N, C-alpha and C. Protein backbone atom coordinates (compact mmCIF):
# COMPACT_ATOMS: atom_id res chain seq x y z
N MET A 1 -11.65 -3.44 48.49
CA MET A 1 -11.96 -3.94 47.15
C MET A 1 -11.30 -3.01 46.11
N TYR A 2 -10.66 -3.63 45.10
CA TYR A 2 -9.93 -2.89 44.07
C TYR A 2 -10.91 -2.44 42.99
N MET A 3 -10.93 -1.16 42.68
CA MET A 3 -11.79 -0.62 41.61
C MET A 3 -10.91 -0.39 40.38
N MET A 4 -11.33 -0.94 39.28
CA MET A 4 -10.56 -0.80 38.04
C MET A 4 -10.90 0.53 37.36
N ASN A 5 -9.88 1.25 36.97
CA ASN A 5 -10.09 2.48 36.22
C ASN A 5 -10.63 2.14 34.84
N GLU A 6 -11.36 3.08 34.26
CA GLU A 6 -11.85 2.87 32.89
C GLU A 6 -10.65 2.89 31.95
N LEU A 7 -10.66 1.97 30.99
CA LEU A 7 -9.54 1.86 30.05
C LEU A 7 -9.52 3.05 29.11
N LYS A 8 -8.33 3.53 28.86
CA LYS A 8 -8.17 4.65 27.92
C LYS A 8 -8.40 4.17 26.48
N TYR A 9 -7.93 2.96 26.17
CA TYR A 9 -8.09 2.38 24.83
C TYR A 9 -8.69 0.99 24.96
N THR A 10 -9.55 0.65 23.99
CA THR A 10 -10.18 -0.67 23.97
C THR A 10 -10.06 -1.25 22.57
N ILE A 11 -10.45 -2.51 22.42
CA ILE A 11 -10.50 -3.12 21.09
C ILE A 11 -11.40 -2.25 20.21
N ILE A 12 -10.97 -1.99 18.99
CA ILE A 12 -11.74 -1.14 18.08
C ILE A 12 -12.99 -1.90 17.62
N LYS A 13 -14.14 -1.23 17.74
CA LYS A 13 -15.42 -1.88 17.41
C LYS A 13 -16.19 -1.16 16.31
N SER A 14 -15.69 -0.02 15.84
CA SER A 14 -16.39 0.71 14.78
C SER A 14 -15.40 1.47 13.92
N GLU A 15 -15.85 1.84 12.73
CA GLU A 15 -14.98 2.63 11.84
C GLU A 15 -14.67 3.99 12.46
N GLU A 16 -15.66 4.57 13.13
CA GLU A 16 -15.47 5.86 13.77
C GLU A 16 -14.34 5.77 14.81
N GLN A 17 -14.36 4.72 15.61
CA GLN A 17 -13.32 4.51 16.62
C GLN A 17 -11.98 4.25 15.95
N TYR A 18 -12.00 3.50 14.85
CA TYR A 18 -10.78 3.21 14.08
C TYR A 18 -10.12 4.52 13.63
N TYR A 19 -10.91 5.40 13.01
CA TYR A 19 -10.35 6.66 12.52
C TYR A 19 -9.90 7.57 13.66
N LEU A 20 -10.62 7.54 14.76
CA LEU A 20 -10.22 8.29 15.94
C LEU A 20 -8.85 7.82 16.43
N TYR A 21 -8.64 6.49 16.50
CA TYR A 21 -7.36 5.93 16.93
C TYR A 21 -6.26 6.25 15.93
N CYS A 22 -6.58 6.23 14.65
CA CYS A 22 -5.57 6.59 13.62
C CYS A 22 -5.12 8.03 13.81
N ASP A 23 -6.08 8.93 14.04
CA ASP A 23 -5.74 10.34 14.27
C ASP A 23 -4.90 10.49 15.54
N THR A 24 -5.29 9.77 16.59
CA THR A 24 -4.56 9.82 17.86
C THR A 24 -3.13 9.32 17.67
N LEU A 25 -2.99 8.21 16.94
CA LEU A 25 -1.66 7.66 16.68
C LEU A 25 -0.79 8.65 15.92
N GLU A 26 -1.37 9.27 14.89
CA GLU A 26 -0.62 10.25 14.10
C GLU A 26 -0.15 11.41 14.99
N ARG A 27 -1.02 11.91 15.84
CA ARG A 27 -0.68 13.01 16.75
C ARG A 27 0.43 12.58 17.72
N LEU A 28 0.29 11.38 18.28
CA LEU A 28 1.29 10.89 19.23
C LEU A 28 2.66 10.70 18.57
N MET A 29 2.64 10.26 17.30
CA MET A 29 3.91 10.04 16.60
C MET A 29 4.62 11.37 16.32
N ILE A 30 3.83 12.40 16.08
CA ILE A 30 4.42 13.73 15.86
C ILE A 30 5.02 14.25 17.16
N GLU A 31 4.28 14.04 18.27
CA GLU A 31 4.75 14.51 19.58
C GLU A 31 5.73 13.53 20.22
N SER A 32 5.99 12.44 19.59
CA SER A 32 6.77 11.31 20.11
C SER A 32 7.78 11.67 21.20
N SER A 33 7.63 10.95 22.32
CA SER A 33 8.57 11.10 23.43
C SER A 33 8.65 9.76 24.15
N ALA A 34 9.53 9.65 25.10
CA ALA A 34 9.68 8.40 25.87
C ALA A 34 8.39 8.08 26.61
N ASN A 35 7.63 9.10 26.98
CA ASN A 35 6.37 8.90 27.70
C ASN A 35 5.26 8.31 26.84
N THR A 36 5.37 8.47 25.53
CA THR A 36 4.28 8.03 24.65
C THR A 36 4.57 6.71 23.93
N GLU A 37 5.76 6.14 24.10
CA GLU A 37 6.14 4.92 23.37
C GLU A 37 5.16 3.77 23.59
N ASP A 38 4.80 3.49 24.84
CA ASP A 38 3.88 2.39 25.12
C ASP A 38 2.49 2.66 24.54
N GLU A 39 2.07 3.90 24.63
CA GLU A 39 0.76 4.28 24.09
C GLU A 39 0.74 4.10 22.57
N ILE A 40 1.82 4.50 21.92
CA ILE A 40 1.94 4.34 20.46
C ILE A 40 1.90 2.86 20.09
N GLU A 41 2.64 2.04 20.82
CA GLU A 41 2.65 0.60 20.55
C GLU A 41 1.27 -0.02 20.73
N LEU A 42 0.56 0.37 21.80
CA LEU A 42 -0.76 -0.18 22.06
C LEU A 42 -1.76 0.22 20.97
N ILE A 43 -1.79 1.48 20.61
CA ILE A 43 -2.72 1.94 19.56
C ILE A 43 -2.38 1.27 18.24
N THR A 44 -1.09 1.13 17.94
CA THR A 44 -0.67 0.45 16.71
C THR A 44 -1.20 -0.98 16.67
N LEU A 45 -1.08 -1.69 17.78
CA LEU A 45 -1.60 -3.07 17.84
C LEU A 45 -3.11 -3.11 17.63
N LEU A 46 -3.83 -2.18 18.25
CA LEU A 46 -5.28 -2.15 18.10
C LEU A 46 -5.68 -1.84 16.66
N ILE A 47 -4.98 -0.91 16.03
CA ILE A 47 -5.26 -0.56 14.63
C ILE A 47 -4.92 -1.74 13.72
N GLU A 48 -3.78 -2.40 13.95
CA GLU A 48 -3.40 -3.55 13.13
C GLU A 48 -4.43 -4.68 13.26
N LYS A 49 -4.94 -4.89 14.47
CA LYS A 49 -5.96 -5.92 14.66
C LYS A 49 -7.20 -5.59 13.84
N TRP A 50 -7.64 -4.34 13.89
CA TRP A 50 -8.81 -3.91 13.10
C TRP A 50 -8.52 -4.12 11.61
N ASP A 51 -7.35 -3.68 11.16
CA ASP A 51 -6.98 -3.84 9.75
C ASP A 51 -7.02 -5.31 9.33
N ASN A 52 -6.42 -6.17 10.14
CA ASN A 52 -6.40 -7.60 9.82
C ASN A 52 -7.79 -8.21 9.79
N ASP A 53 -8.66 -7.75 10.67
CA ASP A 53 -10.02 -8.29 10.75
C ASP A 53 -10.97 -7.72 9.71
N HIS A 54 -10.73 -6.49 9.24
CA HIS A 54 -11.72 -5.81 8.41
C HIS A 54 -11.27 -5.43 7.00
N ASN A 55 -10.02 -5.48 6.72
CA ASN A 55 -9.57 -5.09 5.38
C ASN A 55 -9.25 -6.30 4.55
N SER A 56 -9.55 -6.19 3.29
CA SER A 56 -9.28 -7.30 2.38
C SER A 56 -8.11 -6.95 1.47
N PHE A 57 -7.10 -6.25 2.03
CA PHE A 57 -5.94 -5.87 1.23
C PHE A 57 -5.24 -7.09 0.64
N GLU A 58 -5.32 -8.24 1.35
CA GLU A 58 -4.65 -9.43 0.85
C GLU A 58 -5.22 -9.88 -0.49
N GLU A 59 -6.48 -9.50 -0.76
CA GLU A 59 -7.11 -9.88 -2.02
C GLU A 59 -6.63 -9.02 -3.18
N LEU A 60 -6.04 -7.88 -2.86
CA LEU A 60 -5.56 -6.97 -3.90
C LEU A 60 -4.18 -7.39 -4.37
N ASP A 61 -3.92 -7.20 -5.67
CA ASP A 61 -2.55 -7.41 -6.13
C ASP A 61 -1.73 -6.22 -5.63
N PRO A 62 -0.40 -6.30 -5.69
CA PRO A 62 0.42 -5.22 -5.14
C PRO A 62 0.10 -3.82 -5.68
N VAL A 63 -0.22 -3.70 -6.96
CA VAL A 63 -0.55 -2.38 -7.52
C VAL A 63 -1.89 -1.90 -6.97
N GLY A 64 -2.87 -2.80 -6.88
CA GLY A 64 -4.16 -2.44 -6.29
C GLY A 64 -4.00 -2.01 -4.85
N PHE A 65 -3.11 -2.69 -4.14
CA PHE A 65 -2.82 -2.36 -2.75
C PHE A 65 -2.21 -0.96 -2.65
N ILE A 66 -1.26 -0.66 -3.53
CA ILE A 66 -0.65 0.68 -3.55
C ILE A 66 -1.73 1.73 -3.79
N LYS A 67 -2.60 1.48 -4.76
CA LYS A 67 -3.66 2.44 -5.08
C LYS A 67 -4.60 2.63 -3.88
N ALA A 68 -4.94 1.54 -3.19
CA ALA A 68 -5.80 1.64 -2.00
C ALA A 68 -5.12 2.45 -0.90
N LEU A 69 -3.82 2.22 -0.71
CA LEU A 69 -3.08 2.97 0.31
C LEU A 69 -2.97 4.45 -0.09
N MET A 70 -2.79 4.71 -1.37
CA MET A 70 -2.71 6.10 -1.83
C MET A 70 -4.03 6.81 -1.55
N GLU A 71 -5.13 6.13 -1.85
CA GLU A 71 -6.45 6.72 -1.60
C GLU A 71 -6.66 6.96 -0.11
N GLU A 72 -6.30 5.98 0.70
CA GLU A 72 -6.46 6.07 2.15
C GLU A 72 -5.66 7.23 2.73
N HIS A 73 -4.48 7.49 2.15
CA HIS A 73 -3.60 8.56 2.65
C HIS A 73 -3.71 9.84 1.82
N ASN A 74 -4.70 9.91 0.94
CA ASN A 74 -4.91 11.08 0.07
C ASN A 74 -3.66 11.48 -0.70
N LEU A 75 -3.03 10.47 -1.32
CA LEU A 75 -1.82 10.72 -2.09
C LEU A 75 -2.11 10.65 -3.58
N LYS A 76 -1.36 11.41 -4.33
CA LYS A 76 -1.41 11.38 -5.80
C LYS A 76 -0.14 10.71 -6.30
N SER A 77 -0.11 10.40 -7.59
CA SER A 77 1.09 9.75 -8.13
C SER A 77 2.32 10.64 -7.98
N ARG A 78 2.14 11.95 -8.04
CA ARG A 78 3.29 12.86 -7.86
C ARG A 78 3.89 12.72 -6.45
N ASP A 79 3.02 12.37 -5.47
CA ASP A 79 3.53 12.14 -4.11
C ASP A 79 4.40 10.89 -4.08
N LEU A 80 3.99 9.85 -4.84
CA LEU A 80 4.80 8.63 -4.91
C LEU A 80 6.16 8.89 -5.55
N VAL A 81 6.19 9.82 -6.50
CA VAL A 81 7.46 10.18 -7.14
C VAL A 81 8.46 10.61 -6.07
N LYS A 82 7.99 11.44 -5.13
CA LYS A 82 8.88 11.94 -4.06
C LYS A 82 9.19 10.83 -3.05
N ILE A 83 8.17 10.07 -2.66
CA ILE A 83 8.35 9.02 -1.66
C ILE A 83 9.33 7.96 -2.14
N LEU A 84 9.18 7.55 -3.41
CA LEU A 84 9.99 6.46 -3.95
C LEU A 84 11.27 6.95 -4.63
N ASN A 85 11.38 8.27 -4.83
CA ASN A 85 12.52 8.83 -5.54
C ASN A 85 12.66 8.21 -6.93
N LEU A 86 11.51 8.15 -7.62
CA LEU A 86 11.46 7.63 -8.98
C LEU A 86 10.93 8.71 -9.91
N SER A 87 11.12 8.53 -11.21
CA SER A 87 10.60 9.49 -12.18
C SER A 87 9.08 9.35 -12.29
N LYS A 88 8.43 10.40 -12.81
CA LYS A 88 6.97 10.35 -13.04
C LYS A 88 6.63 9.20 -13.96
N GLY A 89 7.46 9.01 -14.98
CA GLY A 89 7.21 7.94 -15.96
C GLY A 89 7.26 6.56 -15.33
N THR A 90 8.23 6.34 -14.46
CA THR A 90 8.37 5.04 -13.80
C THR A 90 7.18 4.78 -12.87
N VAL A 91 6.78 5.78 -12.11
CA VAL A 91 5.62 5.62 -11.22
C VAL A 91 4.37 5.32 -12.06
N SER A 92 4.22 6.03 -13.16
CA SER A 92 3.07 5.78 -14.05
C SER A 92 3.09 4.35 -14.59
N LYS A 93 4.27 3.88 -15.00
CA LYS A 93 4.38 2.50 -15.51
C LYS A 93 4.02 1.49 -14.42
N ILE A 94 4.44 1.74 -13.18
CA ILE A 94 4.11 0.83 -12.08
C ILE A 94 2.60 0.82 -11.86
N LEU A 95 1.98 2.01 -11.78
CA LEU A 95 0.55 2.10 -11.48
C LEU A 95 -0.34 1.60 -12.63
N ASN A 96 0.23 1.52 -13.83
CA ASN A 96 -0.53 1.02 -14.98
C ASN A 96 -0.14 -0.41 -15.37
N TYR A 97 0.55 -1.09 -14.45
CA TYR A 97 0.92 -2.50 -14.64
C TYR A 97 1.90 -2.73 -15.80
N HIS A 98 2.68 -1.73 -16.13
CA HIS A 98 3.66 -1.89 -17.21
C HIS A 98 5.05 -2.21 -16.67
N LYS A 99 5.27 -1.97 -15.38
CA LYS A 99 6.58 -2.19 -14.78
C LYS A 99 6.38 -2.81 -13.39
N GLY A 100 7.20 -3.79 -13.08
CA GLY A 100 7.12 -4.44 -11.78
C GLY A 100 7.80 -3.62 -10.70
N LEU A 101 7.63 -4.07 -9.46
CA LEU A 101 8.21 -3.38 -8.31
C LEU A 101 9.60 -3.94 -8.01
N SER A 102 10.58 -3.05 -7.89
CA SER A 102 11.93 -3.50 -7.52
C SER A 102 11.97 -3.74 -6.01
N LYS A 103 12.99 -4.43 -5.56
CA LYS A 103 13.16 -4.68 -4.12
C LYS A 103 13.24 -3.36 -3.35
N GLU A 104 13.98 -2.41 -3.91
CA GLU A 104 14.13 -1.11 -3.25
C GLU A 104 12.79 -0.38 -3.16
N THR A 105 12.00 -0.43 -4.22
CA THR A 105 10.68 0.21 -4.21
C THR A 105 9.78 -0.45 -3.18
N ILE A 106 9.82 -1.77 -3.09
CA ILE A 106 9.02 -2.51 -2.11
C ILE A 106 9.42 -2.08 -0.70
N ARG A 107 10.72 -1.96 -0.44
CA ARG A 107 11.20 -1.53 0.88
C ARG A 107 10.69 -0.13 1.23
N LYS A 108 10.79 0.78 0.25
CA LYS A 108 10.35 2.16 0.49
C LYS A 108 8.84 2.23 0.75
N LEU A 109 8.06 1.47 -0.03
CA LEU A 109 6.61 1.46 0.17
C LEU A 109 6.25 0.91 1.55
N ALA A 110 6.88 -0.20 1.92
CA ALA A 110 6.60 -0.83 3.21
C ALA A 110 6.96 0.11 4.36
N ASN A 111 8.09 0.78 4.26
CA ASN A 111 8.51 1.72 5.31
C ASN A 111 7.58 2.91 5.39
N TYR A 112 7.22 3.47 4.24
CA TYR A 112 6.37 4.66 4.23
C TYR A 112 4.98 4.37 4.78
N PHE A 113 4.37 3.27 4.31
CA PHE A 113 2.99 2.96 4.71
C PHE A 113 2.93 2.10 5.98
N LYS A 114 4.08 1.74 6.52
CA LYS A 114 4.15 0.93 7.76
C LYS A 114 3.39 -0.38 7.62
N VAL A 115 3.66 -1.07 6.50
CA VAL A 115 3.06 -2.39 6.26
C VAL A 115 4.16 -3.38 5.92
N SER A 116 3.81 -4.64 5.90
CA SER A 116 4.76 -5.70 5.61
C SER A 116 5.20 -5.65 4.14
N GLN A 117 6.47 -5.94 3.89
CA GLN A 117 6.98 -5.99 2.51
C GLN A 117 6.27 -7.07 1.71
N GLU A 118 5.82 -8.13 2.39
CA GLU A 118 5.14 -9.23 1.69
C GLU A 118 3.88 -8.75 0.96
N SER A 119 3.28 -7.67 1.45
CA SER A 119 2.08 -7.13 0.81
C SER A 119 2.35 -6.71 -0.64
N PHE A 120 3.58 -6.29 -0.90
CA PHE A 120 3.94 -5.83 -2.24
C PHE A 120 4.74 -6.87 -3.02
N ASN A 121 5.16 -7.91 -2.33
CA ASN A 121 6.05 -8.89 -2.94
C ASN A 121 5.30 -10.16 -3.31
N ARG A 122 4.20 -9.98 -4.06
CA ARG A 122 3.41 -11.11 -4.53
C ARG A 122 3.31 -11.03 -6.06
N PRO A 123 3.17 -12.18 -6.69
CA PRO A 123 3.10 -12.16 -8.15
C PRO A 123 1.82 -11.50 -8.66
N TYR A 124 1.94 -10.80 -9.77
CA TYR A 124 0.79 -10.23 -10.45
C TYR A 124 1.17 -10.03 -11.91
N LYS A 125 0.16 -9.93 -12.76
CA LYS A 125 0.43 -9.84 -14.20
C LYS A 125 0.70 -8.41 -14.62
N LEU A 126 1.71 -8.27 -15.44
CA LEU A 126 2.01 -6.98 -16.05
C LEU A 126 1.37 -6.94 -17.43
N VAL A 127 0.98 -5.75 -17.84
CA VAL A 127 0.43 -5.57 -19.17
C VAL A 127 1.61 -5.33 -20.11
N ASN A 128 1.67 -6.16 -21.15
CA ASN A 128 2.74 -5.98 -22.13
C ASN A 128 2.33 -4.85 -23.08
N PRO A 129 3.08 -3.74 -23.08
CA PRO A 129 2.69 -2.60 -23.91
C PRO A 129 2.59 -2.93 -25.40
N LEU A 130 3.33 -3.97 -25.86
CA LEU A 130 3.24 -4.35 -27.27
C LEU A 130 1.85 -4.85 -27.63
N ASN A 131 1.11 -5.36 -26.64
CA ASN A 131 -0.18 -5.99 -26.92
C ASN A 131 -1.38 -5.23 -26.37
N LYS A 132 -1.18 -4.02 -25.91
CA LYS A 132 -2.28 -3.32 -25.25
C LYS A 132 -3.42 -2.97 -26.20
N HIS A 133 -3.18 -3.04 -27.50
CA HIS A 133 -4.25 -2.72 -28.45
C HIS A 133 -5.27 -3.86 -28.57
N PHE A 134 -4.96 -5.06 -28.04
CA PHE A 134 -5.91 -6.16 -28.08
C PHE A 134 -7.00 -5.92 -27.04
N LYS A 135 -8.26 -6.08 -27.44
CA LYS A 135 -9.36 -5.87 -26.51
C LYS A 135 -9.53 -7.07 -25.58
N ASN A 136 -9.11 -8.26 -26.02
CA ASN A 136 -9.25 -9.46 -25.22
C ASN A 136 -8.16 -9.47 -24.15
N ALA A 137 -8.56 -9.44 -22.88
CA ALA A 137 -7.59 -9.35 -21.78
C ALA A 137 -6.65 -10.54 -21.76
N ARG A 138 -7.11 -11.71 -22.22
CA ARG A 138 -6.22 -12.88 -22.20
C ARG A 138 -5.08 -12.69 -23.18
N LEU A 139 -5.33 -12.01 -24.26
CA LEU A 139 -4.27 -11.77 -25.24
C LEU A 139 -3.32 -10.68 -24.79
N MET A 140 -3.83 -9.79 -23.96
CA MET A 140 -3.06 -8.62 -23.57
C MET A 140 -1.77 -8.97 -22.85
N ASN A 141 -1.76 -10.07 -22.11
CA ASN A 141 -0.58 -10.40 -21.33
C ASN A 141 0.31 -11.46 -21.98
N THR A 142 0.07 -11.74 -23.22
CA THR A 142 0.94 -12.69 -23.91
C THR A 142 1.77 -11.92 -24.91
N GLN A 143 2.99 -12.30 -25.04
CA GLN A 143 3.86 -11.59 -25.97
C GLN A 143 3.72 -12.18 -27.36
N LYS A 144 3.49 -11.34 -28.31
CA LYS A 144 3.33 -11.78 -29.70
C LYS A 144 4.68 -11.66 -30.40
N LYS A 145 4.95 -12.63 -31.24
CA LYS A 145 6.18 -12.53 -32.03
C LYS A 145 5.91 -11.59 -33.19
N LEU A 146 6.74 -10.61 -33.32
CA LEU A 146 6.58 -9.67 -34.41
C LEU A 146 7.40 -10.15 -35.58
N LYS A 147 6.75 -10.17 -36.75
CA LYS A 147 7.45 -10.61 -37.95
C LYS A 147 8.44 -9.53 -38.36
N GLU A 148 9.63 -9.99 -38.68
CA GLU A 148 10.63 -9.04 -39.15
C GLU A 148 10.42 -8.82 -40.64
N THR A 149 10.41 -7.57 -41.00
CA THR A 149 10.25 -7.24 -42.40
C THR A 149 11.65 -6.95 -42.95
N VAL A 150 11.98 -7.69 -44.01
CA VAL A 150 13.31 -7.50 -44.60
C VAL A 150 13.13 -6.62 -45.82
N ILE A 151 13.81 -5.51 -45.83
CA ILE A 151 13.75 -4.62 -46.98
C ILE A 151 15.01 -4.86 -47.81
N VAL A 152 14.76 -5.18 -49.06
CA VAL A 152 15.89 -5.50 -49.94
C VAL A 152 16.14 -4.37 -50.90
């Protein structure tokens, strides 16, 4: 009679197990060798399954998603400056909804966080800096025509 060995990895059933697998994956990726490739792939699949089943990242707009990923990875905006090779001002504008994400920025974010580019490539509203003084959020995203003053 064949006796089955206990499985080294199983479907993730708790947050504690999830974080344990994340730590294991990170360690294996640092030690990466031909012997660990299958193990890395398996843990990645198990973590992705947990993420798909338990995270509501799809409900977040791309900027909210970036902020959630930054929090999850203990990153500050200055870290994004290095990751994206952008200026502090540009990163600030992105995180404050004043500037959209370029294709190159989306690629860099997806590669760094190991997520799909589609997560960042969804429509969301930008705040028009010309209108940020309006307290009504509906007015904030509409562009107002500014009257030209002619000085004679």
